[in-house]
Each structure stands twice: as C-alpha cells, then as structure tokens.
C-alpha cells in the first residue's frame, strides 16, 4: 500500500515537473518571438525614417533648382479645378432644387 502511494506521489511530482518544464519552454519561445517582432518593427521604423529622409533631401534639391514652385503651381491648379468642379455641382444642385420646388407648387 505504501509503495503504491509513493509511486503515485512520484508520478504526480514528475507530471508537475514536466508541466513546469513545458511552461518554461513556452515562455522562452514567446520571448524569442517577441524579440523577432521587435526587431521587425525596428527595421520597419528605420525604413520609414530612411524614406522620409530621402523625400526631404529630394524636396531640398527641388527648392534649390526651383522645381518645387512648379509642383506648388500644379497643386494650386488642381485645387482650383476641384473647387470650380464643386461649385458647378452646387450650382446644378441648386437648379434641381428650384425645379423640384416649382413642380411641388404646381
């Protein structure tokens, strides 16, 4: 009887130790994954910074050569186009509204 109790105790203890080792291994894996993810994030951040630096140097070059004014002029033209298009849409909407009002009055 005692032998059976000690055997079951040993089994229980070995199971507990086994679970503890598994938990430890899993924690270590998680830590490694986290390190990899952090490294990936760092690389992504660095590439974004690098791209921004390149854009900024390109803009500086454009300012020096005077091409930036061309870009700004184009942007202004585009903005004016969209504003005039919006104004046309508003005008047509007003006309439609007037037509609706006249139809409802009849």
PDB file of N, CA and C in Angstrom:
ATOM      1  N   UNK A   1       0.824  -1.202   0.000  1.00  0.00           N
ATOM      2  CA  UNK A   1       0.000   0.000   0.000  1.00  0.00           C
ATOM      3  C   UNK A   1       0.866   1.263   0.000  1.00  0.00           C
ATOM      4  N   UNK A   2       1.881   1.238   0.885  1.00  0.00           N
ATOM      5  CA  UNK A   2       2.773   2.395   0.929  1.00  0.00           C
ATOM      6  C   UNK A   2       3.517   2.580  -0.395  1.00  0.00           C
ATOM      7  N   UNK A   3       3.938   1.455  -0.950  1.00  0.00           N
ATOM      8  CA  UNK A   3       4.653   1.525  -2.229  1.00  0.00           C
ATOM      9  C   UNK A   3       3.765   2.175  -3.301  1.00  0.00           C
ATOM     10  N   UNK A   4       2.516   1.803  -3.317  1.00  0.00           N
ATOM     11  CA  UNK A   4       1.575   2.355  -4.285  1.00  0.00           C
ATOM     12  C   UNK A   4       1.426   3.860  -4.077  1.00  0.00           C
ATOM     13  N   UNK A   5       1.343   4.288  -2.821  1.00  0.00           N
ATOM     14  CA  UNK A   5       1.211   5.724  -2.527  1.00  0.00           C
ATOM     15  C   UNK A   5       2.441   6.483  -2.989  1.00  0.00           C
ATOM     16  N   UNK A   6       3.632   5.927  -2.691  1.00  0.00           N
ATOM     17  CA  UNK A   6       4.851   6.634  -3.095  1.00  0.00           C
ATOM     18  C   UNK A   6       4.975   6.670  -4.617  1.00  0.00           C
ATOM     19  N   UNK A   7       4.540   5.584  -5.269  1.00  0.00           N
ATOM     20  CA  UNK A   7       4.587   5.581  -6.739  1.00  0.00           C
ATOM     21  C   UNK A   7       3.663   6.648  -7.319  1.00  0.00           C
ATOM     22  N   UNK A   8       2.450   6.746  -6.785  1.00  0.00           N
ATOM     23  CA  UNK A   8       1.514   7.754  -7.301  1.00  0.00           C
ATOM     24  C   UNK A   8       2.036   9.159  -6.992  1.00  0.00           C
ATOM     25  N   UNK A   9       2.664   9.325  -5.819  1.00  0.00           N
ATOM     26  CA  UNK A   9       3.249  10.630  -5.482  1.00  0.00           C
ATOM     27  C   UNK A   9       4.356  10.977  -6.473  1.00  0.00           C
ATOM     28  N   UNK A  10       5.210   9.995  -6.760  1.00  0.00           N
ATOM     29  CA  UNK A  10       6.304  10.231  -7.712  1.00  0.00           C
ATOM     30  C   UNK A  10       5.739  10.587  -9.092  1.00  0.00           C
ATOM     31  N   UNK A  11       4.709   9.845  -9.491  1.00  0.00           N
ATOM     32  CA  UNK A  11       4.086  10.136 -10.788  1.00  0.00           C
ATOM     33  C   UNK A  11       3.554  11.573 -10.811  1.00  0.00           C
ATOM     34  N   UNK A  12       2.864  11.930  -9.737  1.00  0.00           N
ATOM     35  CA  UNK A  12       2.307  13.273  -9.640  1.00  0.00           C
ATOM     36  C   UNK A  12       3.414  14.317  -9.726  1.00  0.00           C
ATOM     37  N   UNK A  13       4.496  14.079  -8.975  1.00  0.00           N
ATOM     38  CA  UNK A  13       5.618  15.019  -8.966  1.00  0.00           C
ATOM     39  C   UNK A  13       6.263  15.127 -10.343  1.00  0.00           C
ATOM     40  N   UNK A  14       6.442  13.981 -11.003  1.00  0.00           N
ATOM     41  CA  UNK A  14       7.050  14.036 -12.330  1.00  0.00           C
ATOM     42  C   UNK A  14       6.133  14.763 -13.318  1.00  0.00           C
ATOM     43  N   UNK A  15       4.823  14.566 -13.186  1.00  0.00           N
ATOM     44  CA  UNK A  15       3.889  15.284 -14.049  1.00  0.00           C
ATOM     45  C   UNK A  15       3.990  16.792 -13.818  1.00  0.00           C
ATOM     46  N   UNK A  16       4.039  17.175 -12.548  1.00  0.00           N
ATOM     47  CA  UNK A  16       4.139  18.596 -12.204  1.00  0.00           C
ATOM     48  C   UNK A  16       5.435  19.172 -12.783  1.00  0.00           C
ATOM     49  N   UNK A  17       6.531  18.457 -12.608  1.00  0.00           N
ATOM     50  CA  UNK A  17       7.822  18.924 -13.131  1.00  0.00           C
ATOM     51  C   UNK A  17       7.775  19.031 -14.652  1.00  0.00           C
ATOM     52  N   UNK A  18       7.131  18.046 -15.269  1.00  0.00           N
ATOM     53  CA  UNK A  18       7.011  18.046 -16.720  1.00  0.00           C
ATOM     54  C   UNK A  18       6.265  19.297 -17.194  1.00  0.00           C
ATOM     55  N   UNK A  19       5.135  19.601 -16.538  1.00  0.00           N
ATOM     56  CA  UNK A  19       4.357  20.798 -16.892  1.00  0.00           C
ATOM     57  C   UNK A  19       5.174  22.068 -16.688  1.00  0.00           C
ATOM     58  N   UNK A  20       5.924  22.102 -15.579  1.00  0.00           N
ATOM     59  CA  UNK A  20       6.752  23.276 -15.313  1.00  0.00           C
ATOM     60  C   UNK A  20       7.783  23.481 -16.421  1.00  0.00           C
ATOM     61  N   UNK A  21       8.415  22.381 -16.852  1.00  0.00           N
ATOM     62  CA  UNK A  21       9.403  22.489 -17.936  1.00  0.00           C
ATOM     63  C   UNK A  21       8.746  22.972 -19.226  1.00  0.00           C
ATOM     64  N   UNK A  22       7.540  22.436 -19.499  1.00  0.00           N
ATOM     65  CA  UNK A  22       6.822  22.864 -20.710  1.00  0.00           C
ATOM     66  C   UNK A  22       6.512  24.367 -20.659  1.00  0.00           C
ATOM     67  N   UNK A  23       6.030  24.830 -19.490  1.00  0.00           N
ATOM     68  CA  UNK A  23       5.726  26.252 -19.331  1.00  0.00           C
ATOM     69  C   UNK A  23       6.968  27.105 -19.557  1.00  0.00           C
ATOM     70  N   UNK A  24       8.070  26.628 -18.979  1.00  0.00           N
ATOM     71  CA  UNK A  24       9.328  27.357 -19.115  1.00  0.00           C
ATOM     72  C   UNK A  24       9.741  27.453 -20.587  1.00  0.00           C
ATOM     73  N   UNK A  25       9.646  26.326 -21.296  1.00  0.00           N
ATOM     74  CA  UNK A  25       9.988  26.322 -22.725  1.00  0.00           C
ATOM     75  C   UNK A  25       9.084  27.263 -23.511  1.00  0.00           C
ATOM     76  N   UNK A  26       7.789  27.219 -23.199  1.00  0.00           N
ATOM     77  CA  UNK A  26       6.831  28.070 -23.914  1.00  0.00           C
ATOM     78  C   UNK A  26       7.127  29.549 -23.651  1.00  0.00           C
ATOM     79  N   UNK A  27       7.452  29.893 -22.418  1.00  0.00           N
ATOM     80  CA  UNK A  27       7.790  31.279 -22.098  1.00  0.00           C
ATOM     81  C   UNK A  27       9.009  31.728 -22.896  1.00  0.00           C
ATOM     82  N   UNK A  28       9.982  30.834 -22.988  1.00  0.00           N
ATOM     83  CA  UNK A  28      11.202  31.155 -23.737  1.00  0.00           C
ATOM     84  C   UNK A  28      10.871  31.369 -25.217  1.00  0.00           C
ATOM     85  N   UNK A  29      10.016  30.528 -25.759  1.00  0.00           N
ATOM     86  CA  UNK A  29       9.599  30.685 -27.164  1.00  0.00           C
ATOM     87  C   UNK A  29       8.906  32.027 -27.365  1.00  0.00           C
ATOM     88  N   UNK A  30       8.009  32.347 -26.433  1.00  0.00           N
ATOM     89  CA  UNK A  30       7.290  33.618 -26.527  1.00  0.00           C
ATOM     90  C   UNK A  30       8.271  34.789 -26.504  1.00  0.00           C
ATOM     91  N   UNK A  31       9.247  34.713 -25.636  1.00  0.00           N
ATOM     92  CA  UNK A  31      10.240  35.781 -25.525  1.00  0.00           C
ATOM     93  C   UNK A  31      10.997  35.931 -26.852  1.00  0.00           C
ATOM     94  N   UNK A  32      11.371  34.799 -27.444  1.00  0.00           N
ATOM     95  CA  UNK A  32      12.095  34.839 -28.719  1.00  0.00           C
ATOM     96  C   UNK A  32      11.224  35.449 -29.823  1.00  0.00           C
ATOM     97  N   UNK A  33       9.947  35.050 -29.834  1.00  0.00           N
ATOM     98  CA  UNK A  33       9.036  35.615 -30.838  1.00  0.00           C
ATOM     99  C   UNK A  33       8.920  37.120 -30.654  1.00  0.00           C
ATOM    100  N   UNK A  34       8.816  37.532 -29.406  1.00  0.00           N
ATOM    101  CA  UNK A  34       8.719  38.963 -29.112  1.00  0.00           C
ATOM    102  C   UNK A  34       9.948  39.708 -29.600  1.00  0.00           C
ATOM    103  N   UNK A  35      11.114  39.116 -29.388  1.00  0.00           N
ATOM    104  CA  UNK A  35      12.351  39.751 -29.856  1.00  0.00           C
ATOM    105  C   UNK A  35      12.329  39.895 -31.366  1.00  0.00           C
ATOM    106  N   UNK A  36      11.888  38.829 -32.056  1.00  0.00           N
ATOM    107  CA  UNK A  36      11.831  38.879 -33.518  1.00  0.00           C
ATOM    108  C   UNK A  36      10.880  39.975 -33.970  1.00  0.00           C
ATOM    109  N   UNK A  37       9.696  40.030 -33.315  1.00  0.00           N
ATOM    110  CA  UNK A  37       8.715  41.059 -33.677  1.00  0.00           C
ATOM    111  C   UNK A  37       9.273  42.451 -33.454  1.00  0.00           C
ATOM    112  N   UNK A  38       9.938  42.631 -32.302  1.00  0.00           N
ATOM    113  CA  UNK A  38      10.518  43.935 -32.008  1.00  0.00           C
ATOM    114  C   UNK A  38      11.556  44.306 -33.049  1.00  0.00           C
ATOM    115  N   UNK A  39      12.368  43.332 -33.440  1.00  0.00           N
ATOM    116  CA  UNK A  39      13.373  43.585 -34.472  1.00  0.00           C
ATOM    117  C   UNK A  39      12.722  43.978 -35.777  1.00  0.00           C
ATOM    118  N   UNK A  40      11.639  43.289 -36.120  1.00  0.00           N
ATOM    119  CA  UNK A  40      10.907  43.605 -37.357  1.00  0.00           C
ATOM    120  C   UNK A  40      10.362  45.026 -37.293  1.00  0.00           C
ATOM    121  N   UNK A  41       9.775  45.388 -36.160  1.00  0.00           N
ATOM    122  CA  UNK A  41       9.223  46.745 -36.005  1.00  0.00           C
ATOM    123  C   UNK A  41      10.323  47.784 -36.160  1.00  0.00           C
ATOM    124  N   UNK A  42      11.458  47.512 -35.525  1.00  0.00           N
ATOM    125  CA  UNK A  42      12.584  48.449 -35.614  1.00  0.00           C
ATOM    126  C   UNK A  42      13.005  48.634 -37.069  1.00  0.00           C
ATOM    127  N   UNK A  43      13.103  47.518 -37.803  1.00  0.00           N
ATOM    128  CA  UNK A  43      13.507  47.616 -39.209  1.00  0.00           C
ATOM    129  C   UNK A  43      12.490  48.424 -40.013  1.00  0.00           C
ATOM    130  N   UNK A  44      11.195  48.170 -39.756  1.00  0.00           N
ATOM    131  CA  UNK A  44      10.161  48.918 -40.470  1.00  0.00           C
ATOM    132  C   UNK A  44      10.252  50.407 -40.159  1.00  0.00           C
ATOM    133  N   UNK A  45      10.418  50.735 -38.881  1.00  0.00           N
ATOM    134  CA  UNK A  45      10.535  52.138 -38.496  1.00  0.00           C
ATOM    135  C   UNK A  45      11.727  52.783 -39.183  1.00  0.00           C
ATOM    136  N   UNK A  46      12.826  52.053 -39.223  1.00  0.00           N
ATOM    137  CA  UNK A  46      14.043  52.595 -39.837  1.00  0.00           C
ATOM    138  C   UNK A  46      13.836  52.831 -41.332  1.00  0.00           C
ATOM    139  N   UNK A  47      13.145  51.899 -42.020  1.00  0.00           N
ATOM    140  CA  UNK A  47      12.912  52.111 -43.453  1.00  0.00           C
ATOM    141  C   UNK A  47      12.018  53.329 -43.680  1.00  0.00           C
ATOM    142  N   UNK A  48      11.027  53.518 -42.801  1.00  0.00           N
ATOM    143  CA  UNK A  48      10.155  54.690 -42.926  1.00  0.00           C
ATOM    144  C   UNK A  48      10.973  55.958 -42.730  1.00  0.00           C
ATOM    145  N   UNK A  49      11.825  55.963 -41.703  1.00  0.00           N
ATOM    146  CA  UNK A  49      12.676  57.133 -41.465  1.00  0.00           C
ATOM    147  C   UNK A  49      13.559  57.414 -42.673  1.00  0.00           C
ATOM    148  N   UNK A  50      14.119  56.345 -43.222  1.00  0.00           N
ATOM    149  CA  UNK A  50      15.002  56.487 -44.386  1.00  0.00           C
ATOM    150  C   UNK A  50      14.240  57.089 -45.563  1.00  0.00           C
ATOM    151  N   UNK A  51      13.024  56.589 -45.808  1.00  0.00           N
ATOM    152  CA  UNK A  51      12.201  57.135 -46.895  1.00  0.00           C
ATOM    153  C   UNK A  51      11.916  58.614 -46.676  1.00  0.00           C
ATOM    154  N   UNK A  52      11.585  58.963 -45.431  1.00  0.00           N
ATOM    155  CA  UNK A  52      11.296  60.366 -45.129  1.00  0.00           C
ATOM    156  C   UNK A  52      12.532  61.236 -45.372  1.00  0.00           C
ATOM    157  N   UNK A  53      13.697  60.731 -44.970  1.00  0.00           N
ATOM    158  CA  UNK A  53      14.942  61.477 -45.212  1.00  0.00           C
ATOM    159  C   UNK A  53      15.156  61.688 -46.707  1.00  0.00           C
ATOM    160  N   UNK A  54      14.936  60.612 -47.482  1.00  0.00           N
ATOM    161  CA  UNK A  54      15.110  60.724 -48.929  1.00  0.00           C
ATOM    162  C   UNK A  54      14.155  61.752 -49.519  1.00  0.00           C
ATOM    163  N   UNK A  55      12.905  61.725 -49.081  1.00  0.00           N
ATOM    164  CA  UNK A  55      11.930  62.701 -49.584  1.00  0.00           C
ATOM    165  C   UNK A  55      12.368  64.120 -49.256  1.00  0.00           C
ATOM    166  N   UNK A  56      12.824  64.285 -48.014  1.00  0.00           N
ATOM    167  CA  UNK A  56      13.231  65.618 -47.586  1.00  0.00           C
ATOM    168  C   UNK A  56      14.421  66.116 -48.405  1.00  0.00           C
ATOM    169  N   UNK A  57      15.405  65.251 -48.638  1.00  0.00           N
ATOM    170  CA  UNK A  57      16.549  65.683 -49.454  1.00  0.00           C
ATOM    171  C   UNK A  57      16.097  65.991 -50.881  1.00  0.00           C
ATOM    172  N   UNK A  58      15.152  65.213 -51.404  1.00  0.00           N
ATOM    173  CA  UNK A  58      14.624  65.480 -52.743  1.00  0.00           C
ATOM    174  C   UNK A  58      13.946  66.845 -52.768  1.00  0.00           C
ATOM    175  N   UNK A  59      13.169  67.151 -51.754  1.00  0.00           N
ATOM    176  CA  UNK A  59      12.497  68.462 -51.694  1.00  0.00           C
ATOM    177  C   UNK A  59      13.517  69.584 -51.624  1.00  0.00           C
ATOM    178  N   UNK A  60      14.570  69.365 -50.823  1.00  0.00           N
ATOM    179  CA  UNK A  60      15.607  70.395 -50.721  1.00  0.00           C
ATOM    180  C   UNK A  60      16.248  70.628 -52.082  1.00  0.00           C
ATOM    181  N   UNK A  61      16.539  69.551 -52.806  1.00  0.00           N
ATOM    182  CA  UNK A  61      17.112  69.686 -54.154  1.00  0.00           C
ATOM    183  C   UNK A  61      16.162  70.457 -55.062  1.00  0.00           C
ATOM    184  N   UNK A  62      14.873  70.122 -54.954  1.00  0.00           N
ATOM    185  CA  UNK A  62      13.892  70.819 -55.791  1.00  0.00           C
ATOM    186  C   UNK A  62      13.839  72.300 -55.451  1.00  0.00           C
ATOM    187  N   UNK A  63      13.926  72.615 -54.156  1.00  0.00           N
ATOM    188  CA  UNK A  63      13.915  74.024 -53.757  1.00  0.00           C
ATOM    189  C   UNK A  63      15.114  74.747 -54.357  1.00  0.00           C
ATOM    190  N   UNK A  64      16.255  74.066 -54.314  1.00  0.00           N
ATOM    191  CA  UNK A  64      17.467  74.688 -54.852  1.00  0.00           C
ATOM    192  C   UNK A  64      17.349  74.924 -56.351  1.00  0.00           C
ATOM    193  N   UNK A  65      16.747  73.971 -57.076  1.00  0.00           N
ATOM    194  CA  UNK A  65      16.654  74.111 -58.529  1.00  0.00           C
ATOM    195  C   UNK A  65      15.431  74.913 -58.954  1.00  0.00           C
ATOM    196  N   UNK A  66      14.462  75.092 -58.054  1.00  0.00           N
ATOM    197  CA  UNK A  66      13.275  75.870 -58.385  1.00  0.00           C
ATOM    198  C   UNK A  66      12.134  75.028 -58.902  1.00  0.00           C
ATOM    199  N   UNK A  67      12.303  73.707 -58.878  1.00  0.00           N
ATOM    200  CA  UNK A  67      11.226  72.836 -59.364  1.00  0.00           C
ATOM    201  C   UNK A  67      10.073  72.762 -58.382  1.00  0.00           C
ATOM    202  N   UNK A  68      10.348  73.079 -57.109  1.00  0.00           N
ATOM    203  CA  UNK A  68       9.269  73.000 -56.114  1.00  0.00           C
ATOM    204  C   UNK A  68       8.165  73.991 -56.431  1.00  0.00           C
ATOM    205  N   UNK A  69       8.528  75.135 -57.026  1.00  0.00           N
ATOM    206  CA  UNK A  69       7.492  76.105 -57.370  1.00  0.00           C
ATOM    207  C   UNK A  69       6.583  75.528 -58.448  1.00  0.00           C
ATOM    208  N   UNK A  70       7.163  74.736 -59.375  1.00  0.00           N
ATOM    209  CA  UNK A  70       6.335  74.088 -60.397  1.00  0.00           C
ATOM    210  C   UNK A  70       5.341  73.144 -59.748  1.00  0.00           C
ATOM    211  N   UNK A  71       5.828  72.373 -58.774  1.00  0.00           N
ATOM    212  CA  UNK A  71       4.951  71.429 -58.085  1.00  0.00           C
ATOM    213  C   UNK A  71       3.838  72.188 -57.366  1.00  0.00           C
ATOM    214  N   UNK A  72       4.206  73.288 -56.689  1.00  0.00           N
ATOM    215  CA  UNK A  72       3.194  74.062 -55.969  1.00  0.00           C
ATOM    216  C   UNK A  72       2.172  74.656 -56.934  1.00  0.00           C
ATOM    217  N   UNK A  73       2.652  75.138 -58.087  1.00  0.00           N
ATOM    218  CA  UNK A  73       1.730  75.686 -59.077  1.00  0.00           C
ATOM    219  C   UNK A  73       0.748  74.618 -59.539  1.00  0.00           C
ATOM    220  N   UNK A  74       1.275  73.423 -59.802  1.00  0.00           N
ATOM    221  CA  UNK A  74       0.413  72.322 -60.244  1.00  0.00           C
ATOM    222  C   UNK A  74      -0.614  71.997 -59.153  1.00  0.00           C
ATOM    223  N   UNK A  75      -0.157  71.949 -57.901  1.00  0.00           N
ATOM    224  CA  UNK A  75      -1.062  71.659 -56.783  1.00  0.00           C
ATOM    225  C   UNK A  75      -2.161  72.717 -56.711  1.00  0.00           C
ATOM    226  N   UNK A  76      -1.764  74.001 -56.881  1.00  0.00           N
ATOM    227  CA  UNK A  76      -2.753  75.076 -56.843  1.00  0.00           C
ATOM    228  C   UNK A  76      -3.757  74.942 -57.978  1.00  0.00           C
ATOM    229  N   UNK A  77      -3.249  74.606 -59.180  1.00  0.00           N
ATOM    230  CA  UNK A  77      -4.155  74.422 -60.326  1.00  0.00           C
ATOM    231  C   UNK A  77      -5.148  73.307 -60.051  1.00  0.00           C
ATOM    232  N   UNK A  78      -4.620  72.193 -59.528  1.00  0.00           N
ATOM    233  CA  UNK A  78      -5.502  71.061 -59.213  1.00  0.00           C
ATOM    234  C   UNK A  78      -6.550  71.473 -58.188  1.00  0.00           C
ATOM    235  N   UNK A  79      -6.127  72.209 -57.175  1.00  0.00           N
ATOM    236  CA  UNK A  79      -7.049  72.651 -56.135  1.00  0.00           C
ATOM    237  C   UNK A  79      -8.123  73.542 -56.741  1.00  0.00           C
ATOM    238  N   UNK A  80      -7.714  74.473 -57.610  1.00  0.00           N
ATOM    239  CA  UNK A  80      -8.691  75.364 -58.243  1.00  0.00           C
ATOM    240  C   UNK A  80      -9.673  74.566 -59.098  1.00  0.00           C
ATOM    241  N   UNK A  81      -9.153  73.558 -59.810  1.00  0.00           N
ATOM    242  CA  UNK A  81     -10.036  72.722 -60.628  1.00  0.00           C
ATOM    243  C   UNK A  81     -11.097  72.062 -59.765  1.00  0.00           C
ATOM    244  N   UNK A  82     -10.653  71.464 -58.677  1.00  0.00           N
ATOM    245  CA  UNK A  82     -11.628  70.770 -57.829  1.00  0.00           C
ATOM    246  C   UNK A  82     -12.621  71.762 -57.241  1.00  0.00           C
ATOM    247  N   UNK A  83     -12.138  72.968 -56.887  1.00  0.00           N
ATOM    248  CA  UNK A  83     -13.056  73.960 -56.329  1.00  0.00           C
ATOM    249  C   UNK A  83     -14.093  74.389 -57.368  1.00  0.00           C
ATOM    250  N   UNK A  84     -13.653  74.603 -58.609  1.00  0.00           N
ATOM    251  CA  UNK A  84     -14.615  75.003 -59.633  1.00  0.00           C
ATOM    252  C   UNK A  84     -15.592  73.871 -59.924  1.00  0.00           C
ATOM    253  N   UNK A  85     -15.085  72.611 -59.928  1.00  0.00           N
ATOM    254  CA  UNK A  85     -15.983  71.482 -60.145  1.00  0.00           C
ATOM    255  C   UNK A  85     -17.024  71.399 -59.031  1.00  0.00           C
ATOM    256  N   UNK A  86     -16.575  71.612 -57.795  1.00  0.00           N
ATOM    257  CA  UNK A  86     -17.513  71.573 -56.675  1.00  0.00           C
ATOM    258  C   UNK A  86     -18.558  72.686 -56.818  1.00  0.00           C
ATOM    259  N   UNK A  87     -18.103  73.853 -57.240  1.00  0.00           N
ATOM    260  CA  UNK A  87     -19.026  74.980 -57.415  1.00  0.00           C
ATOM    261  C   UNK A  87     -20.053  74.649 -58.501  1.00  0.00           C
ATOM    262  N   UNK A  88     -19.623  74.023 -59.593  1.00  0.00           N
ATOM    263  CA  UNK A  88     -20.550  73.621 -60.656  1.00  0.00           C
ATOM    264  C   UNK A  88     -21.586  72.637 -60.118  1.00  0.00           C
ATOM    265  N   UNK A  89     -21.101  71.662 -59.326  1.00  0.00           N
ATOM    266  CA  UNK A  89     -22.023  70.682 -58.741  1.00  0.00           C
ATOM    267  C   UNK A  89     -23.043  71.365 -57.856  1.00  0.00           C
ATOM    268  N   UNK A  90     -22.593  72.332 -57.057  1.00  0.00           N
ATOM    269  CA  UNK A  90     -23.521  73.063 -56.184  1.00  0.00           C
ATOM    270  C   UNK A  90     -24.565  73.803 -57.016  1.00  0.00           C
ATOM    271  N   UNK A  91     -24.088  74.425 -58.093  1.00  0.00           N
ATOM    272  CA  UNK A  91     -24.988  75.186 -58.959  1.00  0.00           C
ATOM    273  C   UNK A  91     -26.048  74.274 -59.584  1.00  0.00           C
ATOM    274  N   UNK A  92     -25.618  73.133 -60.090  1.00  0.00           N
ATOM    275  CA  UNK A  92     -26.596  72.204 -60.681  1.00  0.00           C
ATOM    276  C   UNK A  92     -27.562  71.704 -59.614  1.00  0.00           C
ATOM    277  N   UNK A  93     -27.075  71.490 -58.407  1.00  0.00           N
ATOM    278  CA  UNK A  93     -27.944  71.036 -57.321  1.00  0.00           C
ATOM    279  C   UNK A  93     -28.981  72.109 -56.989  1.00  0.00           C
ATOM    280  N   UNK A  94     -28.553  73.384 -56.994  1.00  0.00           N
ATOM    281  CA  UNK A  94     -29.492  74.486 -56.740  1.00  0.00           C
ATOM    282  C   UNK A  94     -30.584  74.511 -57.815  1.00  0.00           C
ATOM    283  N   UNK A  95     -30.161  74.329 -59.075  1.00  0.00           N
ATOM    284  CA  UNK A  95     -31.142  74.331 -60.173  1.00  0.00           C
ATOM    285  C   UNK A  95     -32.141  73.192 -60.010  1.00  0.00           C
ATOM    286  N   UNK A  96     -31.652  72.025 -59.663  1.00  0.00           N
ATOM    287  CA  UNK A  96     -32.543  70.880 -59.442  1.00  0.00           C
ATOM    288  C   UNK A  96     -33.534  71.181 -58.315  1.00  0.00           C
ATOM    289  N   UNK A  97     -33.011  71.808 -57.253  1.00  0.00           N
ATOM    290  CA  UNK A  97     -33.861  72.144 -56.116  1.00  0.00           C
ATOM    291  C   UNK A  97     -34.970  73.103 -56.554  1.00  0.00           C
ATOM    292  N   UNK A  98     -34.586  74.109 -57.367  1.00  0.00           N
ATOM    293  CA  UNK A  98     -35.588  75.066 -57.855  1.00  0.00           C
ATOM    294  C   UNK A  98     -36.662  74.346 -58.659  1.00  0.00           C
ATOM    295  N   UNK A  99     -36.217  73.411 -59.532  1.00  0.00           N
ATOM    296  CA  UNK A  99     -37.174  72.660 -60.350  1.00  0.00           C
ATOM    297  C   UNK A  99     -38.133  71.866 -59.468  1.00  0.00           C
ATOM    298  N   UNK A 100     -37.589  71.258 -58.428  1.00  0.00           N
ATOM    299  CA  UNK A 100     -38.444  70.479 -57.508  1.00  0.00           C
ATOM    300  C   UNK A 100     -39.483  71.377 -56.857  1.00  0.00           C
ATOM    301  N   UNK A 101     -39.035  72.583 -56.441  1.00  0.00           N
ATOM    302  CA  UNK A 101     -39.960  73.491 -55.778  1.00  0.00           C
ATOM    303  C   UNK A 101     -41.069  73.923 -56.725  1.00  0.00           C
ATOM    304  N   UNK A 102     -40.679  74.223 -57.950  1.00  0.00           N
ATOM    305  CA  UNK A 102     -41.722  74.660 -58.896  1.00  0.00           C
ATOM    306  C   UNK A 102     -42.696  73.516 -59.184  1.00  0.00           C
ATOM    307  N   UNK A 103     -42.192  72.272 -59.260  1.00  0.00           N
ATOM    308  CA  UNK A 103     -43.086  71.136 -59.503  1.00  0.00           C
ATOM    309  C   UNK A 103     -44.027  70.916 -58.326  1.00  0.00           C
ATOM    310  N   UNK A 104     -43.530  71.085 -57.120  1.00  0.00           N
ATOM    311  CA  UNK A 104     -44.396  70.864 -55.956  1.00  0.00           C
ATOM    312  C   UNK A 104     -45.444  71.970 -55.838  1.00  0.00           C
ATOM    313  N   UNK A 105     -45.116  73.179 -56.311  1.00  0.00           N
ATOM    314  CA  UNK A 105     -46.087  74.268 -56.243  1.00  0.00           C
ATOM    315  C   UNK A 105     -47.225  74.054 -57.235  1.00  0.00           C
ATOM    316  N   UNK A 106     -46.937  73.419 -58.358  1.00  0.00           N
ATOM    317  CA  UNK A 106     -47.970  73.173 -59.374  1.00  0.00           C
ATOM    318  C   UNK A 106     -48.907  72.171 -58.858  1.00  0.00           C
TER     319      UNK A 106
END
